[in-house]
Protein backbone atom coordinates (compact mmCIF):
# COMPACT_ATOMS: atom_id res chain seq x y z
CA MET A 1 138.86 100.73 34.36
CA ARG A 2 141.20 100.21 37.27
CA PHE A 3 141.37 104.00 37.73
CA LYS A 4 137.54 104.19 37.91
CA LYS A 5 137.49 101.47 40.59
CA ILE A 6 140.12 103.32 42.63
CA VAL A 7 138.12 106.56 42.38
CA ALA A 8 134.92 104.75 43.34
CA LEU A 9 136.59 103.13 46.33
CA SER A 10 138.03 106.47 47.38
CA LEU A 11 134.62 108.10 47.17
CA LEU A 12 133.13 105.29 49.28
CA SER A 13 135.86 105.75 51.87
CA ILE A 14 135.23 109.49 52.02
CA ALA A 15 131.49 108.89 52.32
CA GLY A 16 132.13 106.43 55.15
CA LEU A 17 134.31 108.93 56.97
CA LEU A 18 131.68 111.64 56.53
CA ALA A 19 128.98 109.31 57.84
CA ALA A 20 131.14 108.45 60.83
CA THR A 21 131.66 112.11 61.65
CA ILE A 22 128.12 113.31 60.86
CA THR A 23 126.24 110.60 62.83
CA PRO A 24 127.82 111.44 66.22
CA ALA A 25 127.32 115.12 65.45
CA VAL A 26 123.62 114.55 64.81
CA ALA A 27 123.32 112.48 67.99
CA SER A 28 125.18 115.13 69.94
CA ALA A 29 122.90 117.85 68.55
CA ALA A 30 119.85 115.84 69.60
CA SER A 31 121.16 115.30 73.12
CA ASN A 32 122.07 118.98 73.42
CA LYS A 33 118.53 120.01 72.55
CA PRO A 34 116.79 121.21 75.73
CA ILE A 35 114.44 118.75 77.40
CA ILE A 36 110.98 120.29 77.67
CA VAL A 37 109.60 119.43 81.11
CA GLY A 38 105.88 120.11 81.41
CA SER A 39 103.39 120.07 84.24
CA LYS A 40 99.65 120.15 84.75
CA ASN A 41 98.08 123.23 86.34
CA VAL A 42 97.98 121.78 89.86
CA SER A 43 100.58 122.22 92.58
CA GLU A 44 101.70 118.59 92.91
CA SER A 45 102.40 118.34 89.20
CA LYS A 46 104.27 121.65 89.19
CA THR A 47 106.39 120.70 92.21
CA VAL A 48 107.30 117.26 90.87
CA SER A 49 108.04 118.62 87.40
CA GLU A 50 110.44 121.11 88.97
CA ILE A 51 112.17 118.26 90.80
CA TYR A 52 112.42 116.42 87.46
CA ALA A 53 113.93 119.54 85.87
CA LEU A 54 116.54 119.86 88.63
CA ALA A 55 117.50 116.18 88.30
CA LEU A 56 117.93 116.50 84.52
CA GLU A 57 120.00 119.66 84.89
CA HIS A 58 122.20 117.80 87.39
CA GLU A 59 122.88 115.27 84.60
CA GLY A 60 124.09 118.11 82.39
CA TYR A 61 120.97 118.51 80.25
CA LYS A 62 119.53 121.85 79.30
CA VAL A 63 115.90 122.13 80.41
CA THR A 64 112.98 124.24 79.25
CA ARG A 65 110.12 124.41 81.76
CA LYS A 66 106.47 124.49 80.62
CA PRO A 67 104.24 124.56 83.72
CA ASN A 68 100.48 124.99 84.03
CA ILE A 69 99.33 123.00 81.00
CA SER A 70 95.68 121.97 81.00
CA ASN A 71 94.97 118.39 82.00
CA ASN A 72 93.11 117.93 78.71
CA VAL A 73 96.05 119.14 76.62
CA ILE A 74 99.28 117.86 78.17
CA PHE A 75 99.03 114.23 77.01
CA SER A 76 98.52 115.19 73.35
CA ALA A 77 101.21 117.90 73.65
CA THR A 78 103.68 115.19 74.69
CA GLN A 79 102.60 113.03 71.73
CA LYS A 80 103.36 115.95 69.41
CA GLY A 81 106.76 116.63 70.97
CA GLU A 82 105.69 119.99 72.37
CA VAL A 83 106.53 118.49 75.79
CA ASP A 84 109.19 115.81 76.30
CA VAL A 85 108.28 114.63 79.80
CA TYR A 86 105.79 115.43 82.55
CA PRO A 87 104.53 113.76 85.77
CA ASP A 88 101.24 111.89 85.52
CA TYR A 89 99.59 108.92 87.24
CA THR A 90 99.20 105.30 86.20
CA GLY A 91 95.49 105.43 86.99
CA THR A 92 94.94 108.59 84.94
CA ILE A 93 96.65 107.01 81.94
CA VAL A 94 94.66 103.78 82.20
CA GLU A 95 91.24 105.23 83.01
CA ALA A 96 91.24 108.69 81.40
CA TYR A 97 93.44 108.21 78.33
CA LEU A 98 93.14 104.50 77.53
CA LYS A 99 89.51 104.29 78.75
CA LYS A 100 90.10 101.03 80.63
CA LYS A 101 88.80 100.10 84.08
CA GLY A 102 91.40 99.82 86.81
CA THR A 103 89.28 98.54 89.71
CA GLY A 104 90.95 95.60 91.44
CA LYS A 105 94.31 96.13 89.73
CA SER A 106 97.55 96.23 91.74
CA ALA A 107 100.08 99.07 91.41
CA SER A 108 102.32 96.99 89.14
CA GLN A 109 99.38 95.87 86.98
CA MET A 110 98.23 99.47 86.53
CA ALA A 111 101.78 100.53 85.67
CA LYS A 112 102.10 97.82 83.02
CA LEU A 113 98.72 98.69 81.48
CA ALA A 114 99.78 102.34 81.33
CA HIS A 115 103.24 101.61 79.92
CA ASP A 116 102.05 99.18 77.26
CA GLY A 117 98.96 101.17 76.33
CA ILE A 118 100.70 104.41 75.33
CA GLN A 119 103.48 102.88 73.21
CA LYS A 120 101.29 103.26 70.11
CA ASP A 121 101.12 107.00 70.79
CA GLY A 122 104.89 107.43 70.58
CA LEU A 123 105.06 107.65 74.36
CA THR A 124 106.47 105.59 77.19
CA THR A 125 106.72 105.61 80.97
CA PHE A 126 109.67 105.03 83.29
CA LYS A 127 109.45 103.35 86.72
CA TYR A 128 106.48 104.40 88.80
CA ALA A 129 106.90 106.03 92.20
CA PRO A 130 105.57 104.50 95.42
CA GLY A 131 103.58 107.73 95.88
CA ASP A 132 99.90 107.02 95.21
CA ASN A 133 97.52 109.92 94.56
CA ARG A 134 94.22 108.09 94.17
CA GLN A 135 90.63 109.10 94.81
CA GLY A 136 89.53 109.40 98.43
CA VAL A 137 86.99 110.90 100.82
CA ALA A 138 88.00 112.94 103.87
CA MET A 139 86.29 114.40 106.90
CA PRO A 140 87.23 116.98 109.50
CA THR A 141 88.86 114.91 112.24
CA LYS A 142 86.48 116.25 114.90
CA ASP A 143 83.48 115.03 112.86
CA ALA A 144 85.07 111.68 112.08
CA LYS A 145 85.60 111.16 115.82
CA LYS A 146 82.13 112.43 116.69
CA TYR A 147 80.42 109.89 114.43
CA HIS A 148 83.08 107.15 114.89
CA ILE A 149 83.84 107.03 111.16
CA THR A 150 87.16 105.64 109.94
CA ASN A 151 86.19 104.08 106.60
CA LEU A 152 83.64 104.28 103.79
CA SER A 153 81.43 101.54 105.22
CA GLU A 154 81.01 103.55 108.43
CA LEU A 155 80.41 106.71 106.40
CA GLN A 156 77.62 104.93 104.51
CA LYS A 157 75.94 103.89 107.78
CA ASN A 158 76.05 107.48 109.06
CA ALA A 159 75.34 109.22 105.75
CA LYS A 160 72.01 110.72 106.92
CA LYS A 161 73.91 112.82 109.48
CA ILE A 162 76.49 114.08 106.95
CA ASN A 163 76.44 117.09 104.64
CA PHE A 164 78.58 116.19 101.63
CA ALA A 165 80.52 118.81 99.65
CA SER A 166 81.12 117.91 96.01
CA GLN A 167 82.89 119.69 93.16
CA GLY A 168 80.14 119.28 90.60
CA GLU A 169 81.13 115.94 89.10
CA PHE A 170 81.80 113.50 91.92
CA GLU A 171 78.14 112.62 92.40
CA LYS A 172 77.76 111.97 88.64
CA ARG A 173 81.01 110.30 87.57
CA ALA A 174 80.63 106.53 87.19
CA ASP A 175 83.78 105.74 89.20
CA ALA A 176 82.91 108.13 92.06
CA LEU A 177 79.71 108.33 94.13
CA PRO A 178 77.76 105.94 91.83
CA GLU A 179 80.50 103.34 92.38
CA MET A 180 80.36 103.96 96.14
CA ASN A 181 76.59 103.43 96.07
CA LYS A 182 77.01 100.23 94.06
CA VAL A 183 79.66 98.63 96.29
CA TYR A 184 78.96 100.03 99.76
CA GLY A 185 75.21 100.60 99.53
CA LYS A 186 73.46 103.90 98.89
CA PHE A 187 74.97 106.95 100.59
CA ASP A 188 71.83 108.80 101.62
CA PHE A 189 73.57 112.04 102.63
CA LYS A 190 71.72 114.73 104.54
CA SER A 191 72.65 117.07 101.69
CA ILE A 192 74.99 117.24 98.69
CA LYS A 193 76.09 120.69 97.55
CA ASP A 194 78.59 121.66 94.85
CA TYR A 195 81.50 124.04 95.43
CA ASP A 196 84.68 125.06 93.66
CA VAL A 197 87.14 122.19 94.03
CA ASN A 198 89.70 124.52 95.61
CA LEU A 199 87.27 125.43 98.41
CA LEU A 200 86.31 121.95 99.64
CA TYR A 201 88.65 121.90 102.65
CA LYS A 202 87.62 125.43 103.61
CA ILE A 203 83.94 124.44 103.36
CA MET A 204 84.61 121.55 105.75
CA GLU A 205 86.59 123.80 108.10
CA GLN A 206 83.67 126.22 108.20
CA GLY A 207 81.31 123.40 109.20
CA LYS A 208 79.23 123.66 106.03
CA ALA A 209 80.02 120.03 105.18
CA GLN A 210 81.35 117.04 107.08
CA ALA A 211 82.81 115.08 104.13
CA ALA A 212 84.19 115.73 100.66
CA PRO A 213 86.07 114.01 97.83
CA VAL A 214 89.84 114.47 97.99
CA SER A 215 93.07 113.24 96.49
CA THR A 216 95.07 111.04 98.85
CA THR A 217 98.21 113.21 98.69
CA ASP A 218 96.47 116.51 99.46
CA GLY A 219 98.62 118.62 101.74
CA GLN A 220 95.75 119.23 104.15
CA LEU A 221 95.84 115.52 105.01
CA ALA A 222 99.29 116.04 106.54
CA THR A 223 97.64 118.13 109.25
CA SER A 224 95.59 116.86 112.18
CA LYS A 225 92.51 118.80 111.02
CA PHE A 226 91.40 116.19 108.49
CA THR A 227 91.10 112.42 108.35
CA LEU A 228 91.29 110.36 105.16
CA LEU A 229 88.71 107.59 105.26
CA LYS A 230 89.83 104.10 104.37
CA ASP A 231 88.41 102.66 101.15
CA ASN A 232 87.92 99.33 102.89
CA LYS A 233 86.40 97.60 99.83
CA ASN A 234 89.10 98.88 97.45
CA ILE A 235 86.90 100.44 94.81
CA TRP A 236 89.52 102.99 93.75
CA PRO A 237 92.62 101.72 91.91
CA PRO A 238 96.21 102.89 92.41
CA TYR A 239 97.24 106.20 90.88
CA ASN A 240 101.00 105.99 91.26
CA LEU A 241 103.10 108.90 90.08
CA VAL A 242 104.94 108.14 86.83
CA PRO A 243 106.75 110.17 84.15
CA VAL A 244 105.08 110.21 80.74
CA VAL A 245 107.84 110.57 78.15
CA ASN A 246 108.03 111.20 74.42
CA LYS A 247 109.95 108.17 73.09
CA LYS A 248 112.08 110.21 70.69
CA ALA A 249 113.16 112.48 73.53
CA ALA A 250 113.97 109.47 75.72
CA LYS A 251 116.12 107.97 72.98
CA SER A 252 118.05 111.18 72.32
CA HIS A 253 118.61 111.84 76.05
CA PRO A 254 119.77 108.45 77.36
CA LYS A 255 120.48 109.61 80.93
CA MET A 256 116.92 110.86 81.39
CA GLU A 257 115.45 107.54 82.49
CA GLN A 258 118.02 106.79 85.18
CA ALA A 259 117.82 110.36 86.54
CA LEU A 260 114.03 110.33 86.88
CA ASN A 261 113.91 106.79 88.23
CA LYS A 262 116.18 107.89 91.08
CA VAL A 263 113.82 110.76 91.89
CA ASP A 264 110.62 108.72 91.72
CA ALA A 265 112.05 105.97 93.92
CA LYS A 266 112.00 108.49 96.80
CA LEU A 267 108.60 110.06 96.14
CA THR A 268 106.38 108.14 98.54
CA THR A 269 102.79 109.06 99.35
CA LYS A 270 104.02 110.72 102.55
CA GLN A 271 106.67 112.69 100.65
CA LEU A 272 104.11 113.94 98.12
CA THR A 273 101.68 114.87 100.88
CA ASP A 274 104.39 116.79 102.73
CA LEU A 275 105.39 118.61 99.53
CA ASN A 276 101.76 119.58 98.94
CA LYS A 277 101.40 120.76 102.53
CA LYS A 278 104.36 123.10 102.12
CA VAL A 279 102.81 124.62 98.99
CA ASN A 280 99.07 124.56 99.66
CA VAL A 281 98.90 124.89 103.45
CA ASP A 282 102.12 126.69 104.39
CA GLY A 283 102.07 128.95 101.31
CA GLN A 284 105.60 128.28 100.06
CA ASN A 285 106.53 128.70 96.40
CA TYR A 286 106.58 125.34 94.60
CA LYS A 287 110.00 126.03 93.08
CA THR A 288 111.49 126.66 96.51
CA VAL A 289 109.84 123.51 97.89
CA ALA A 290 111.14 121.45 94.96
CA LYS A 291 114.68 122.80 95.29
CA ASN A 292 114.80 122.16 99.05
CA TRP A 293 113.50 118.61 98.59
CA TYR A 294 116.01 117.91 95.82
CA ASN A 295 118.95 119.23 97.88
CA GLN A 296 117.89 117.18 100.93
CA ASN A 297 117.13 113.94 99.12
CA MET A 298 119.14 113.70 95.92
CA LYS A 299 122.56 115.21 96.67
């Protein structure tokens, strides 16, 4: 009987030793698995995702890059673990994915709604960046000066003189022109015509339109050619840049959060706009732009 107890105790000891050696090995294997960094198929997302990738590599992680994922796919791909992390926006998470209204919310309120709302999906967010890429309306600077327009209220008063270039959905989407009409009064534009979203600035440059919907970190807004109109009644909520992260990946790569928080702390609206200018106006490759920014700001 005593012999059986000794054997049993010995087996338990061996099992304990095996568990002690296997557990760190499993953890190590998980942390050595490459982090899949994704991006949407727009330049800002690609540039920021490349900066994320460089920061993670600096921490010693292996990184697999997956750029150019459709906006409609990337969130679910991250849920499934096909992507571990990608840059998104607090407003997109709240309004597009969670289907909640963000009007009147502060940046921190939007960030909390986004963070808390996606936990059930096996996802989380880290700290949000000060950079805010929300909805906006811009005009060629010469036209804004001609009609003395600096904000949306003044645009509404002068709408009959303005040809408006849309991208096919702005005049229909509830949170876009209909919301402007509701809060500011009806925008009775001289005309509204639809164009490819990538051509809106060119259409304004050519004089075919005097106003168009934009994102507030568009690179063209870093030039003197265009003026972003102030949303003086605050109808559009904050869309701060934030990493969306698969929770399992975050747990198995514990340095990921600190590395990306350091990056996002420096990505202001001006920084994002300048990055976009380099890519979309100056024609530089987004990987080159990301690498130069990382070397100048993070080393």
